[in-house]
Amino acid sequence: MKKILQIGSALVGIIVGAGFASGQEILQYFTSFGTIGVVGAIIATALFAYMGMTMTRIGSRMQATSHRDAIYKISGKFLGTIIDYIIIFTLFGVGVVMIAGGGSILNQQFGLPLFVGNLLLIALVILTAMLNVSRVVKVIGGITPFLIIAIIILFIFSIVTMDASLAALDPIAKQHDSALSNWIFSAINYVSFNIAVGVSMSIVMGGDERDEKTAAIGGLVGGFAIGILIMVSHIMIFSKIDVIGNFDMPILKLADDISPILGVIYSLILFGMIFNTATSMFFSFSARFTEIGTKNFKVFTLITGIIAFTLSFVGFTELVALFYPFIGNLGLVLMVVLIVASLRMGRLKKE
């Protein structure tokens, strides 16, 4: 049970990065559609649970140490090459976005220069990524419970202090820009984007667990937890959409409204979740090209981190607008391949 919860918690930590924990992604992908966003959140929950189970199960069955071999095995050479490059692009691109997000959080909450947050985050990421897989999973999973506790507190506050009806809030929510025009495709696209972000580390994480059942249940628990967090965050933001909807980080604004101290605490949790995602991105990126734990792995991680630090000064908002929608569309291909692979698990075992 401990290992299942560890894997599940780490999966949440991998996927819940800057946009999710701040509430901006939830606002654009779910809340901006009004009350129907609840149905979208339910669809996303089911998909996350299934995909989480599939990714860690495939990794465990193949005892994968990087996503490369697993992806080529389940999709063939031609399609595998395409997906491999999609994942490589996603890992580095989202890693850069997270570094920029780290600087943005500390700048907004504490007034620190952007380069301070960027530098602090990339230094922590490089040091952590040089640990072995098991320790990385423990570090990533260890921060997740704090986010869950904070979200529950904020959710209860938003419901208790809600001072407008659902009917009155619905048109206000719909005034906000949506990531996509259709609520169903928006929910699916949100899952596909996050699967593209999390697949590499999830496969490696599953590969570190020899018991396939434990890996699969851990992925299922983690995916379901992500879905529940989406649902809770959507309801929370929707109930206060008239107050926090126009802020870049609506959940952080809600925390600040309750108490400046809680705002500081949540900003640190948010920084921690960004750190989680960034670590999993750069660890997986380096694992794709070098062997984990070797000198080459450490040198490659250091060089990659320096390059990412330089690119992060393009700006958090600009990078999100550039990478996220594109990666979401590419991730649809990956989702289909993983679903087909899950139906061929018996054959993969024979091979």
Protein backbone atom coordinates (compact mmCIF):
# COMPACT_ATOMS: atom_id res chain seq x y z
CA MET A 1 0.00 0.00 0.00
CA LYS A 2 2.85 2.37 0.82
CA LYS A 3 4.38 1.87 -2.62
CA ILE A 4 1.00 2.34 -4.34
CA LEU A 5 0.45 5.66 -2.56
CA GLN A 6 4.03 6.69 -3.33
CA ILE A 7 3.58 6.04 -7.06
CA GLY A 8 0.15 7.71 -7.08
CA SER A 9 1.42 10.75 -5.21
CA ALA A 10 4.41 11.06 -7.53
CA LEU A 11 2.13 10.90 -10.59
CA VAL A 12 0.12 13.82 -9.21
CA GLY A 13 3.37 15.68 -8.54
CA ILE A 14 4.61 15.11 -12.09
CA ILE A 15 1.47 16.43 -13.77
CA VAL A 16 0.33 19.17 -11.38
CA GLY A 17 2.62 22.01 -12.38
CA ALA A 18 2.38 25.79 -12.53
CA GLY A 19 -0.87 26.15 -14.50
CA PHE A 20 -2.87 23.51 -12.63
CA ALA A 21 -1.88 24.47 -9.08
CA SER A 22 -2.40 28.17 -9.81
CA GLY A 23 -5.87 27.50 -11.23
CA GLN A 24 -5.24 29.11 -14.62
CA GLU A 25 -5.44 25.85 -16.60
CA ILE A 26 -8.62 24.78 -14.79
CA LEU A 27 -10.18 28.17 -15.52
CA GLN A 28 -9.41 27.98 -19.25
CA TYR A 29 -10.14 24.29 -19.83
CA PHE A 30 -13.19 23.78 -17.55
CA THR A 31 -14.58 26.74 -15.60
CA SER A 32 -14.85 29.03 -18.65
CA PHE A 33 -17.58 26.72 -19.97
CA GLY A 34 -19.75 27.34 -16.90
CA THR A 35 -21.69 24.60 -15.12
CA ILE A 36 -21.11 22.09 -17.97
CA GLY A 37 -17.45 22.20 -16.94
CA VAL A 38 -18.36 19.70 -14.20
CA VAL A 39 -19.17 17.10 -16.86
CA GLY A 40 -15.87 17.88 -18.57
CA ALA A 41 -14.09 17.32 -15.25
CA ILE A 42 -15.81 13.93 -14.86
CA ILE A 43 -14.64 12.88 -18.34
CA ALA A 44 -11.11 14.05 -17.52
CA THR A 45 -11.14 12.09 -14.24
CA ALA A 46 -12.02 8.84 -16.00
CA LEU A 47 -9.36 9.39 -18.68
CA PHE A 48 -6.65 10.32 -16.17
CA ALA A 49 -7.36 7.23 -14.04
CA TYR A 50 -7.19 4.91 -17.06
CA MET A 51 -4.13 6.56 -18.61
CA GLY A 52 -2.29 6.69 -15.29
CA MET A 53 -2.81 2.97 -14.82
CA THR A 54 -1.75 2.26 -18.42
CA MET A 55 1.50 4.25 -18.30
CA THR A 56 2.84 2.79 -15.06
CA ARG A 57 1.72 -0.72 -16.03
CA ILE A 58 3.54 -0.59 -19.37
CA GLY A 59 6.66 0.73 -17.64
CA SER A 60 6.59 -2.07 -15.06
CA ARG A 61 5.96 -4.82 -17.61
CA MET A 62 8.89 -3.69 -19.75
CA GLN A 63 11.08 -2.71 -16.78
CA ALA A 64 11.75 0.51 -18.68
CA THR A 65 14.60 2.84 -17.72
CA SER A 66 13.55 5.48 -20.30
CA HIS A 67 10.46 6.02 -22.42
CA ARG A 68 12.32 5.31 -25.68
CA ASP A 69 12.37 1.51 -25.69
CA ALA A 70 8.81 1.25 -24.38
CA ILE A 71 7.41 3.63 -26.99
CA TYR A 72 9.20 1.90 -29.88
CA LYS A 73 8.01 -1.48 -28.63
CA ILE A 74 4.34 -0.56 -28.46
CA SER A 75 4.07 1.61 -31.58
CA GLY A 76 6.66 0.36 -34.09
CA LYS A 77 9.65 2.14 -35.61
CA PHE A 78 7.91 4.78 -37.76
CA LEU A 79 5.19 5.91 -35.34
CA GLY A 80 7.56 5.33 -32.42
CA THR A 81 10.04 7.80 -33.89
CA ILE A 82 7.32 10.46 -34.23
CA ILE A 83 6.07 9.93 -30.67
CA ASP A 84 9.61 9.83 -29.31
CA TYR A 85 10.31 13.27 -30.77
CA ILE A 86 6.97 14.57 -29.48
CA ILE A 87 7.91 13.46 -25.97
CA ILE A 88 11.45 14.87 -26.24
CA PHE A 89 10.05 18.24 -27.38
CA THR A 90 7.47 18.16 -24.58
CA LEU A 91 9.97 17.29 -21.84
CA PHE A 92 12.36 20.11 -22.64
CA GLY A 93 9.67 22.65 -23.57
CA VAL A 94 7.59 22.16 -20.42
CA GLY A 95 10.78 22.06 -18.35
CA VAL A 96 11.67 25.55 -19.61
CA VAL A 97 8.11 26.75 -18.89
CA MET A 98 8.35 25.47 -15.30
CA ILE A 99 11.67 27.28 -14.73
CA ALA A 100 10.02 30.50 -15.93
CA GLY A 101 7.04 29.75 -13.67
CA GLY A 102 9.30 29.43 -10.63
CA GLY A 103 10.65 32.92 -11.21
CA SER A 104 7.17 34.29 -11.84
CA ILE A 105 5.77 32.93 -8.54
CA LEU A 106 8.51 34.41 -6.36
CA ASN A 107 8.33 37.68 -8.29
CA GLN A 108 4.56 38.02 -7.84
CA GLN A 109 4.39 36.96 -4.19
CA PHE A 110 7.65 38.27 -2.78
CA GLY A 111 8.82 40.86 -5.32
CA LEU A 112 12.07 39.01 -6.06
CA PRO A 113 13.74 39.52 -9.47
CA LEU A 114 12.80 36.85 -12.01
CA PHE A 115 16.34 35.54 -12.33
CA VAL A 116 16.44 34.70 -8.59
CA GLY A 117 13.47 32.33 -8.79
CA ASN A 118 14.61 30.89 -12.11
CA LEU A 119 18.11 30.23 -10.77
CA LEU A 120 16.90 28.78 -7.47
CA LEU A 121 14.52 26.39 -9.22
CA ILE A 122 16.97 25.11 -11.84
CA ALA A 123 19.65 24.59 -9.16
CA LEU A 124 17.23 22.48 -7.07
CA VAL A 125 16.10 20.57 -10.16
CA ILE A 126 19.66 19.72 -11.26
CA LEU A 127 20.65 18.53 -7.79
CA THR A 128 17.51 16.40 -7.40
CA ALA A 129 17.66 14.93 -10.91
CA MET A 130 21.08 13.49 -10.11
CA LEU A 131 19.53 11.15 -7.52
CA ASN A 132 18.35 7.63 -8.44
CA VAL A 133 14.78 6.96 -9.61
CA SER A 134 13.46 5.78 -6.23
CA ARG A 135 14.70 8.90 -4.45
CA VAL A 136 13.34 11.19 -7.16
CA VAL A 137 9.91 9.52 -6.82
CA LYS A 138 10.02 10.05 -3.04
CA VAL A 139 10.97 13.73 -3.41
CA ILE A 140 8.25 14.39 -5.98
CA GLY A 141 5.59 12.45 -4.07
CA GLY A 142 6.47 14.07 -0.74
CA ILE A 143 5.25 17.53 -1.73
CA THR A 144 1.88 16.41 -3.17
CA PRO A 145 0.02 15.89 0.17
CA PHE A 146 0.60 19.54 1.09
CA LEU A 147 -1.12 20.64 -2.14
CA ILE A 148 -4.09 18.35 -1.47
CA ILE A 149 -4.51 19.70 2.08
CA ALA A 150 -4.30 23.31 0.84
CA ILE A 151 -6.83 22.68 -1.96
CA ILE A 152 -9.29 21.09 0.51
CA ILE A 153 -9.01 24.10 2.87
CA LEU A 154 -9.54 26.57 0.01
CA PHE A 155 -12.42 24.49 -1.39
CA ILE A 156 -14.27 24.50 1.95
CA PHE A 157 -13.73 28.25 2.33
CA SER A 158 -14.99 29.00 -1.19
CA ILE A 159 -18.17 26.95 -0.69
CA VAL A 160 -18.96 28.32 2.78
CA THR A 161 -18.44 31.95 1.71
CA MET A 162 -20.11 31.63 -1.70
CA ASP A 163 -22.46 34.63 -1.99
CA ALA A 164 -23.93 34.20 -5.48
CA SER A 165 -26.15 31.55 -7.09
CA LEU A 166 -24.93 29.09 -9.73
CA ALA A 167 -27.29 30.72 -12.23
CA ALA A 168 -25.72 34.13 -11.58
CA LEU A 169 -22.14 32.83 -11.77
CA ASP A 170 -22.62 30.82 -14.97
CA PRO A 171 -22.65 33.78 -17.43
CA ILE A 172 -19.69 35.39 -15.58
CA ALA A 173 -17.66 32.20 -15.99
CA LYS A 174 -18.50 32.01 -19.70
CA GLN A 175 -17.11 35.50 -20.26
CA HIS A 176 -13.59 34.18 -19.68
CA ASP A 177 -11.47 32.91 -22.56
CA SER A 178 -11.42 29.15 -23.10
CA ALA A 179 -8.43 27.13 -24.27
CA LEU A 180 -10.65 25.49 -26.92
CA SER A 181 -14.10 26.21 -28.29
CA ASN A 182 -15.82 22.91 -27.32
CA TRP A 183 -16.06 21.70 -23.70
CA ILE A 184 -15.76 17.98 -24.56
CA PHE A 185 -12.67 18.44 -26.74
CA SER A 186 -11.28 20.82 -24.14
CA ALA A 187 -11.46 18.10 -21.46
CA ILE A 188 -9.87 15.49 -23.75
CA ASN A 189 -7.19 17.92 -24.94
CA TYR A 190 -6.32 18.79 -21.34
CA VAL A 191 -5.76 15.12 -20.54
CA SER A 192 -3.73 14.56 -23.72
CA PHE A 193 -1.49 17.54 -22.94
CA ASN A 194 -0.79 16.26 -19.44
CA ILE A 195 -0.21 12.70 -20.65
CA ALA A 196 2.42 14.05 -23.06
CA VAL A 197 3.96 15.87 -20.08
CA GLY A 198 3.87 12.89 -17.71
CA VAL A 199 4.32 9.81 -19.88
CA SER A 200 8.11 9.64 -19.83
CA MET A 201 8.56 9.86 -16.05
CA SER A 202 5.50 7.65 -15.48
CA ILE A 203 6.97 4.88 -17.64
CA VAL A 204 10.36 5.19 -15.89
CA MET A 205 8.60 5.22 -12.51
CA GLY A 206 6.62 2.10 -13.45
CA GLY A 207 9.83 0.46 -14.65
CA ASP A 208 11.33 0.94 -11.18
CA GLU A 209 8.52 -1.24 -9.72
CA ARG A 210 8.81 -4.98 -10.45
CA ASP A 211 5.28 -5.80 -9.28
CA GLU A 212 3.11 -4.89 -12.27
CA LYS A 213 -0.09 -4.89 -10.21
CA THR A 214 1.36 -2.44 -7.68
CA ALA A 215 2.55 -0.15 -10.47
CA ALA A 216 -0.84 -0.27 -12.23
CA ILE A 217 -2.87 0.44 -9.07
CA GLY A 218 -0.48 3.24 -8.14
CA GLY A 219 -1.03 4.83 -11.57
CA LEU A 220 -4.80 4.37 -11.23
CA VAL A 221 -4.85 6.01 -7.80
CA GLY A 222 -2.69 8.89 -9.02
CA GLY A 223 -4.80 9.46 -12.14
CA PHE A 224 -8.03 9.38 -10.12
CA ALA A 225 -6.56 11.84 -7.59
CA ILE A 226 -5.67 14.24 -10.42
CA GLY A 227 -9.27 14.04 -11.65
CA ILE A 228 -10.66 14.76 -8.19
CA LEU A 229 -8.32 17.75 -7.86
CA ILE A 230 -9.61 19.03 -11.20
CA MET A 231 -13.21 18.67 -10.02
CA VAL A 232 -12.60 20.35 -6.67
CA SER A 233 -10.54 23.16 -8.23
CA HIS A 234 -13.20 23.79 -10.88
CA ILE A 235 -15.99 24.07 -8.31
CA MET A 236 -13.78 26.25 -6.11
CA ILE A 237 -12.90 28.69 -8.91
CA PHE A 238 -16.47 28.70 -10.26
CA SER A 239 -17.91 29.58 -6.84
CA LYS A 240 -15.60 32.63 -6.65
CA ILE A 241 -15.33 33.43 -10.38
CA ASP A 242 -16.67 36.94 -9.82
CA VAL A 243 -13.83 37.68 -7.38
CA ILE A 244 -10.76 35.76 -8.62
CA GLY A 245 -11.51 35.10 -12.30
CA ASN A 246 -9.46 38.00 -13.67
CA PHE A 247 -6.22 37.09 -11.89
CA ASP A 248 -3.36 35.16 -13.54
CA MET A 249 -3.25 32.80 -10.56
CA PRO A 250 -6.84 32.62 -9.26
CA ILE A 251 -6.25 29.98 -6.56
CA LEU A 252 -3.31 31.94 -5.16
CA LYS A 253 -5.54 35.04 -5.11
CA LEU A 254 -8.17 33.08 -3.15
CA ALA A 255 -5.52 32.01 -0.63
CA ASP A 256 -4.37 35.64 -0.26
CA ASP A 257 -7.98 36.76 0.33
CA ILE A 258 -8.36 34.31 3.22
CA SER A 259 -5.08 35.26 4.86
CA PRO A 260 -1.76 36.76 3.71
CA ILE A 261 -0.03 33.99 5.67
CA LEU A 262 -2.01 31.32 3.81
CA GLY A 263 -1.12 33.12 0.58
CA VAL A 264 2.58 32.83 1.39
CA ILE A 265 2.18 29.15 2.34
CA TYR A 266 0.29 28.37 -0.86
CA SER A 267 2.83 30.21 -3.00
CA LEU A 268 5.55 27.99 -1.52
CA ILE A 269 3.43 24.88 -2.22
CA LEU A 270 2.89 26.15 -5.76
CA PHE A 271 6.65 26.62 -6.13
CA GLY A 272 7.08 23.05 -4.89
CA MET A 273 4.66 21.67 -7.48
CA ILE A 274 6.49 23.57 -10.23
CA PHE A 275 9.71 22.04 -8.89
CA ASN A 276 8.09 18.57 -9.07
CA THR A 277 7.12 18.94 -12.71
CA ALA A 278 10.44 20.52 -13.69
CA THR A 279 12.41 17.73 -11.99
CA SER A 280 10.46 14.99 -13.73
CA MET A 281 10.87 16.76 -17.09
CA PHE A 282 14.66 17.14 -16.92
CA PHE A 283 15.23 13.74 -15.28
CA SER A 284 13.26 12.02 -18.05
CA PHE A 285 14.88 14.16 -20.75
CA SER A 286 18.37 13.18 -19.60
CA ALA A 287 17.32 9.52 -19.18
CA ARG A 288 16.28 9.49 -22.85
CA PHE A 289 19.83 10.26 -24.05
CA THR A 290 22.08 8.91 -21.27
CA GLU A 291 22.09 6.13 -18.67
CA ILE A 292 20.66 7.14 -15.29
CA GLY A 293 23.25 7.61 -12.54
CA THR A 294 26.30 7.80 -14.81
CA LYS A 295 28.71 10.71 -15.14
CA ASN A 296 27.34 11.41 -18.62
CA PHE A 297 23.81 11.63 -17.15
CA LYS A 298 24.92 14.23 -14.60
CA VAL A 299 26.89 16.29 -17.12
CA PHE A 300 24.01 16.17 -19.62
CA THR A 301 21.54 17.25 -16.92
CA LEU A 302 23.76 20.18 -15.93
CA ILE A 303 24.19 21.39 -19.54
CA THR A 304 20.47 20.99 -20.25
CA GLY A 305 19.63 22.94 -17.10
CA ILE A 306 21.88 25.85 -18.09
CA ILE A 307 20.28 26.03 -21.56
CA ALA A 308 16.77 25.88 -20.04
CA PHE A 309 17.65 28.63 -17.55
CA THR A 310 18.71 30.89 -20.42
CA LEU A 311 15.55 30.22 -22.46
CA SER A 312 13.25 30.70 -19.45
CA PHE A 313 13.66 34.49 -19.65
CA VAL A 314 11.33 34.54 -22.66
CA GLY A 315 8.60 34.76 -20.00
CA PHE A 316 6.17 32.38 -18.30
CA THR A 317 2.95 33.62 -19.96
CA GLU A 318 4.51 33.72 -23.42
CA LEU A 319 5.93 30.21 -23.07
CA VAL A 320 2.61 28.76 -21.88
CA ALA A 321 0.81 30.32 -24.85
CA LEU A 322 3.43 28.89 -27.21
CA PHE A 323 3.80 25.33 -25.93
CA TYR A 324 0.59 24.17 -24.21
CA PRO A 325 -2.00 24.11 -27.04
CA PHE A 326 0.50 22.60 -29.50
CA ILE A 327 1.57 19.87 -27.08
CA GLY A 328 -2.08 19.09 -26.28
CA ASN A 329 -2.80 18.32 -29.94
CA LEU A 330 0.34 16.21 -30.30
CA GLY A 331 -0.57 14.35 -27.13
CA LEU A 332 -3.76 13.00 -28.74
CA VAL A 333 -1.60 10.73 -30.92
CA LEU A 334 0.22 9.47 -27.85
CA MET A 335 -3.04 8.79 -25.99
CA VAL A 336 -4.38 6.65 -28.84
CA VAL A 337 -1.12 4.66 -28.97
CA LEU A 338 -1.18 4.05 -25.20
CA ILE A 339 -4.83 2.96 -25.28
CA VAL A 340 -4.11 0.50 -28.10
CA ALA A 341 -1.05 -0.73 -26.19
CA SER A 342 -3.17 -1.36 -23.10
CA LEU A 343 -5.40 -3.64 -25.20
CA ARG A 344 -2.31 -5.53 -26.38
CA MET A 345 -0.77 -6.08 -22.95
CA GLY A 346 -1.04 -9.86 -23.23
CA ARG A 347 0.89 -9.83 -26.51
CA LEU A 348 3.52 -7.49 -25.09
CA LYS A 349 4.11 -9.94 -22.24
CA LYS A 350 4.60 -12.82 -24.68
CA GLU A 351 7.06 -10.78 -26.72
